[in-house]
Protein backbone atom coordinates (compact mmCIF):
# COMPACT_ATOMS: atom_id res chain seq x y z
CA MET A 1 0.13 -0.06 -0.19
CA GLY A 2 2.98 2.25 0.41
CA VAL A 3 2.00 3.27 4.01
CA ARG A 4 3.11 2.28 7.17
CA LEU A 5 -0.05 0.60 9.06
CA LEU A 6 1.73 -0.72 12.19
CA ASP A 7 4.00 0.63 14.59
CA ARG A 8 6.02 -2.59 16.39
CA THR A 9 7.60 -1.94 19.83
CA LYS A 10 8.75 -3.91 22.98
CA GLN A 11 5.37 -3.47 23.81
CA GLY A 12 3.18 -4.97 20.77
CA SER A 13 2.47 -3.58 17.83
CA HIS A 14 -0.01 -0.54 17.58
CA LEU A 15 -1.91 0.80 14.58
CA THR A 16 -0.71 3.97 12.94
CA GLU A 17 -3.26 6.64 11.68
CA ALA A 18 -3.06 5.29 8.24
CA GLY A 19 -3.86 1.86 9.66
CA ARG A 20 -6.86 3.01 11.80
CA ILE A 21 -8.04 4.61 8.61
CA PHE A 22 -7.75 1.16 7.17
CA LEU A 23 -8.84 -1.02 9.58
CA PRO A 24 -12.75 -0.62 9.00
CA GLN A 25 -12.66 -0.45 5.35
CA ALA A 26 -10.51 -3.77 5.66
CA GLN A 27 -13.15 -5.41 7.85
CA ALA A 28 -15.86 -4.26 5.33
CA LEU A 29 -13.84 -5.69 2.13
CA LEU A 30 -13.46 -9.06 3.99
CA HIS A 31 -16.92 -9.14 4.99
CA SER A 32 -18.37 -8.40 1.17
CA ALA A 33 -15.82 -11.10 0.11
CA GLN A 34 -17.08 -13.32 2.48
CA GLN A 35 -21.04 -12.98 1.27
CA ALA A 36 -19.54 -13.03 -2.44
CA VAL A 37 -18.60 -16.01 -2.04
CA ALA A 38 -21.46 -17.58 0.24
CA THR A 39 -23.65 -16.17 -2.63
CA THR A 40 -21.62 -17.84 -5.23
CA ARG A 41 -21.62 -21.11 -3.67
CA ALA A 42 -25.12 -21.11 -2.94
CA ALA A 43 -25.93 -20.55 -6.60
CA VAL A 44 -23.64 -23.72 -7.94
CA GLU A 45 -24.15 -25.85 -4.78
CA PRO A 46 -27.53 -26.16 -4.21
CA GLY A 47 -27.29 -29.11 -2.08
CA GLU A 48 -26.90 -27.98 1.14
CA PHE A 49 -29.76 -26.21 3.03
CA THR A 50 -29.97 -24.89 6.94
CA ASN A 51 -33.42 -24.04 8.54
CA GLY A 52 -33.57 -21.61 11.82
CA TYR A 53 -36.49 -21.68 14.17
CA THR A 54 -37.04 -19.47 17.18
CA GLY A 55 -38.60 -20.04 20.78
CA GLY A 56 -40.49 -23.20 20.56
CA LEU A 57 -41.53 -23.10 17.15
CA ILE A 58 -41.67 -26.81 15.26
CA VAL A 59 -40.09 -27.34 12.03
CA THR A 60 -39.84 -31.01 12.10
CA THR A 61 -42.61 -32.06 9.62
CA ALA A 62 -41.23 -29.29 7.09
CA VAL A 63 -37.81 -30.51 6.96
CA ARG A 64 -38.78 -34.31 7.08
CA GLU A 65 -40.39 -33.29 4.28
CA LEU A 66 -37.53 -31.56 2.31
CA ARG A 67 -35.38 -34.19 3.10
CA ASN A 68 -37.93 -36.78 1.14
CA ARG A 69 -38.32 -34.06 -1.46
CA ARG A 70 -34.42 -33.51 -2.15
CA PRO A 71 -32.78 -36.93 -0.73
CA ASP A 72 -29.55 -35.96 -2.10
CA ALA A 73 -29.51 -32.65 -0.11
CA GLU A 74 -27.92 -32.16 3.60
CA VAL A 75 -30.69 -30.34 5.49
CA ARG A 76 -29.84 -29.17 8.72
CA THR A 77 -31.37 -27.65 11.58
CA LEU A 78 -30.33 -24.74 14.08
CA HIS A 79 -32.42 -23.26 17.10
CA LEU A 80 -31.43 -19.08 17.25
CA ASP A 81 -32.57 -16.31 19.82
CA PHE A 82 -35.23 -14.34 18.59
CA SER A 83 -32.71 -11.53 18.16
CA GLN A 84 -30.37 -13.75 15.77
CA VAL A 85 -32.98 -13.79 12.73
CA ASN A 86 -31.53 -11.01 10.60
CA ALA A 87 -27.81 -11.58 11.21
CA ALA A 88 -28.19 -15.02 11.13
CA LEU A 89 -29.68 -15.03 7.20
CA LEU A 90 -27.59 -12.37 5.90
CA ASP A 91 -24.15 -14.30 7.34
CA HIS A 92 -25.50 -16.96 5.55
CA ARG A 93 -25.46 -19.31 8.97
CA VAL A 94 -29.21 -20.43 8.01
CA ASP A 95 -31.09 -20.46 4.95
CA ALA A 96 -34.18 -19.56 6.29
CA VAL A 97 -35.64 -18.88 9.49
CA LEU A 98 -39.13 -19.80 11.11
CA ALA A 99 -39.43 -16.96 13.81
CA ARG A 100 -42.49 -14.79 15.32
CA GLU A 101 -42.56 -11.22 14.69
CA PRO A 102 -41.09 -8.58 14.85
CA PHE A 103 -37.45 -8.78 13.95
CA PRO A 104 -35.43 -6.57 11.95
CA THR A 105 -36.36 -7.65 8.24
CA ASP A 106 -34.05 -5.29 6.12
CA GLN A 107 -32.41 -7.22 3.12
CA LEU A 108 -35.29 -10.11 3.57
CA ARG A 109 -37.92 -11.48 2.50
CA VAL A 110 -41.10 -12.42 4.95
CA THR A 111 -43.78 -14.60 4.04
CA ALA A 112 -46.58 -14.54 7.18
CA LEU A 113 -47.57 -18.13 7.77
CA TYR A 114 -50.38 -17.93 10.37
CA GLU A 115 -51.49 -15.98 13.38
CA GLU A 116 -51.28 -17.00 17.17
CA PRO A 117 -53.22 -15.29 19.89
CA ARG A 118 -51.30 -13.74 23.26
CA VAL A 119 -51.69 -15.03 26.22
CA LEU A 120 -50.91 -13.57 29.84
CA MET A 121 -47.75 -15.58 31.75
CA VAL A 122 -48.20 -15.29 35.42
CA PRO A 123 -47.17 -17.41 38.36
CA THR A 124 -49.52 -19.94 39.88
CA PHE A 125 -49.97 -17.68 42.92
CA HIS A 126 -50.87 -14.32 41.06
CA ARG A 127 -54.68 -13.12 41.35
CA LEU A 128 -55.14 -13.53 37.72
CA ALA A 129 -54.18 -17.09 37.44
CA ASP A 130 -57.54 -18.54 37.98
CA ARG A 131 -59.28 -16.04 35.59
CA LYS A 132 -60.64 -17.70 31.90
CA SER A 133 -59.26 -14.48 30.30
CA VAL A 134 -58.15 -11.33 31.20
CA THR A 135 -58.08 -7.47 29.26
CA ILE A 136 -55.20 -5.06 29.06
CA GLY A 137 -56.90 -3.13 31.96
CA ASP A 138 -56.55 -6.54 34.44
CA PHE A 139 -52.98 -6.06 34.07
CA ALA A 140 -52.61 -2.49 33.31
CA ASP A 141 -50.12 -1.66 36.66
CA ASP A 142 -47.97 -5.05 36.39
CA ALA A 143 -44.82 -5.11 35.04
CA LEU A 144 -43.92 -7.08 32.36
CA VAL A 145 -40.33 -8.20 31.39
CA ARG A 146 -38.57 -6.00 29.20
CA TYR A 147 -36.66 -6.95 26.29
CA THR A 148 -33.09 -5.10 24.59
CA ASP A 149 -34.81 -5.00 21.08
CA ALA A 150 -36.67 -1.90 20.92
CA ALA A 151 -39.70 -2.95 18.38
CA TYR A 152 -39.42 -6.55 20.05
CA ASP A 153 -39.82 -4.88 23.62
CA ALA A 154 -42.96 -2.62 22.71
CA PHE A 155 -44.76 -5.20 20.85
CA TRP A 156 -44.74 -7.95 23.78
CA ARG A 157 -45.42 -5.33 26.60
CA LEU A 158 -47.80 -3.46 25.13
CA ASP A 159 -45.89 -0.05 24.84
CA PRO A 160 -47.56 2.55 24.44
CA ARG A 161 -50.98 1.21 25.49
CA PRO A 162 -53.86 2.28 23.67
CA ASP A 163 -54.52 5.13 25.99
CA GLY A 164 -51.17 6.78 25.38
CA ARG A 165 -49.61 5.51 28.89
CA PRO A 166 -46.04 3.80 28.65
CA ALA A 167 -46.22 0.90 30.08
CA PRO A 168 -45.03 0.07 33.50
CA GLN A 169 -40.99 -0.75 33.58
CA GLY A 170 -40.01 -4.29 34.56
CA PRO A 171 -36.81 -5.89 34.75
CA LEU A 172 -34.66 -6.29 31.65
CA VAL A 173 -34.25 -10.12 30.42
CA VAL A 174 -31.85 -11.48 28.26
CA THR A 175 -32.75 -15.59 28.11
CA ALA A 176 -36.42 -17.36 28.15
CA ALA A 177 -34.93 -18.91 31.21
CA ASP A 178 -34.12 -15.97 33.29
CA LYS A 179 -38.00 -14.55 32.24
CA LEU A 180 -39.36 -17.61 33.58
CA GLU A 181 -37.76 -17.63 36.69
CA LEU A 182 -38.82 -13.71 36.98
CA ILE A 183 -42.41 -14.63 36.41
CA ALA A 184 -42.56 -17.52 38.69
CA SER A 185 -40.99 -15.70 41.49
CA GLY A 186 -43.73 -13.02 41.21
CA GLN A 187 -41.49 -10.11 39.99
CA ALA A 188 -42.71 -9.41 36.99
CA LEU A 189 -45.15 -10.71 34.32
CA ALA A 190 -44.88 -11.37 30.63
CA LEU A 191 -47.15 -11.68 27.71
CA ALA A 192 -46.51 -14.94 25.25
CA PRO A 193 -47.70 -16.31 22.34
CA ALA A 194 -50.36 -19.22 22.97
CA GLY A 195 -48.48 -21.57 21.35
CA GLY A 196 -44.64 -20.74 23.22
CA ASP A 197 -42.71 -23.16 24.69
CA HIS A 198 -43.11 -22.37 28.38
CA ALA A 199 -46.03 -24.45 29.18
CA PRO A 200 -44.10 -27.34 29.57
CA LEU A 201 -41.04 -26.00 31.36
CA ARG A 202 -42.57 -24.68 34.75
CA HIS A 203 -45.09 -26.20 37.08
CA ASP A 204 -45.32 -22.94 39.26
CA LEU A 205 -46.48 -20.80 35.95
CA THR A 206 -50.20 -20.48 34.00
CA THR A 207 -51.32 -18.66 31.02
CA VAL A 208 -54.17 -16.80 30.82
CA PRO A 209 -55.73 -15.81 27.22
CA VAL A 210 -55.57 -11.83 26.59
CA GLU A 211 -58.85 -10.32 24.53
CA GLY A 212 -58.61 -7.36 22.79
CA ILE A 213 -55.23 -7.28 21.54
CA GLU A 214 -53.44 -7.95 18.04
CA PRO A 215 -52.02 -11.72 17.56
CA CYS A 216 -48.50 -12.60 16.82
CA ARG A 217 -47.69 -14.01 13.33
CA VAL A 218 -45.55 -16.52 12.61
CA VAL A 219 -43.31 -16.12 9.57
CA LEU A 220 -40.69 -17.86 7.42
CA ALA A 221 -37.79 -15.35 6.34
CA THR A 222 -35.42 -15.89 3.86
CA ARG A 223 -32.66 -13.74 2.21
CA ALA A 224 -34.29 -11.49 -0.50
CA LYS A 225 -32.29 -12.01 -3.17
CA ASP A 226 -32.21 -15.93 -2.85
CA ARG A 227 -33.32 -18.01 -5.55
CA SER A 228 -32.26 -21.45 -4.39
CA PRO A 229 -34.06 -24.10 -5.16
CA LEU A 230 -33.84 -25.37 -1.62
CA VAL A 231 -35.35 -22.12 -0.14
CA LYS A 232 -38.47 -22.18 -2.48
CA ASP A 233 -39.27 -26.02 -1.76
CA PHE A 234 -38.84 -25.16 1.76
CA LEU A 235 -40.77 -22.21 1.41
CA ASP A 236 -43.66 -24.06 -0.44
CA ILE A 237 -43.33 -26.69 2.39
CA ALA A 238 -43.93 -24.04 4.96
CA VAL A 239 -47.06 -22.25 3.43
CA ASN A 240 -48.93 -25.95 3.42
CA GLN A 241 -48.04 -27.77 6.20
CA LEU A 242 -46.57 -25.59 8.97
CA VAL A 243 -50.00 -23.78 9.67
CA PRO A 244 -51.10 -25.92 13.37
CA ALA A 245 -54.30 -27.22 13.64
CA GLY A 246 -57.01 -24.48 14.45
CA GLY A 247 -54.40 -21.83 13.56
CA ALA A 248 -55.18 -18.88 11.08
CA PRO A 249 -52.96 -19.48 7.85
CA LEU A 250 -52.07 -16.25 5.84
CA GLY A 251 -49.05 -17.24 3.25
CA LYS A 252 -48.50 -13.39 2.62
CA ALA A 253 -44.80 -12.24 1.43
CA HIS A 254 -43.62 -9.06 1.92
């Protein structure tokens, strides 16, 4: 390059001013090169497919059907945290993700599969635990657990409330296990999808249907420009097979 990027001393190597300027550009170039390699390989090596999934969503039947359709393909699954959906797709760790909205969708194609009602998760000793259903007003003053992602947090805490008031501040959670522990100990409540994976995990928790709020959507996310035959096949399978009994099918892409 004709410039010094590093100064070497007995204490180690340090970036020069030129090095500090070059470093972020070099990192961007490497990332771009990795994506170019992954995209090119996907075009000429359509024999590999990894399906991601979040929460307690079940992909078994769809993955099994894809293996039946494409017996020569290597079909894998990978569980992801809800916050990893966008990054895992753009980094080519996965080729499709079954997830619940919301999550960042830039550079993604999102196909809505079905809707799930939302329920209120409470400890079994809570005043609402024996109710057949509740409305927002029944837990308006109860703190709900908070999440790091702003859009996800707003949706799952109903923040702001329909009357414009901010939702009460609850404790911040990062893992599902911590969330369940906070609820079971009575420190906070949480909204959850009716089909979530919470019920089998704790005998000291229960859920109550919530009336008057919009459901959450279960979607299949893929890279917007991905034209892989395996992705196309899996999307077709997902639309036709992943809607649970009693679910409201949607099958809309955006």
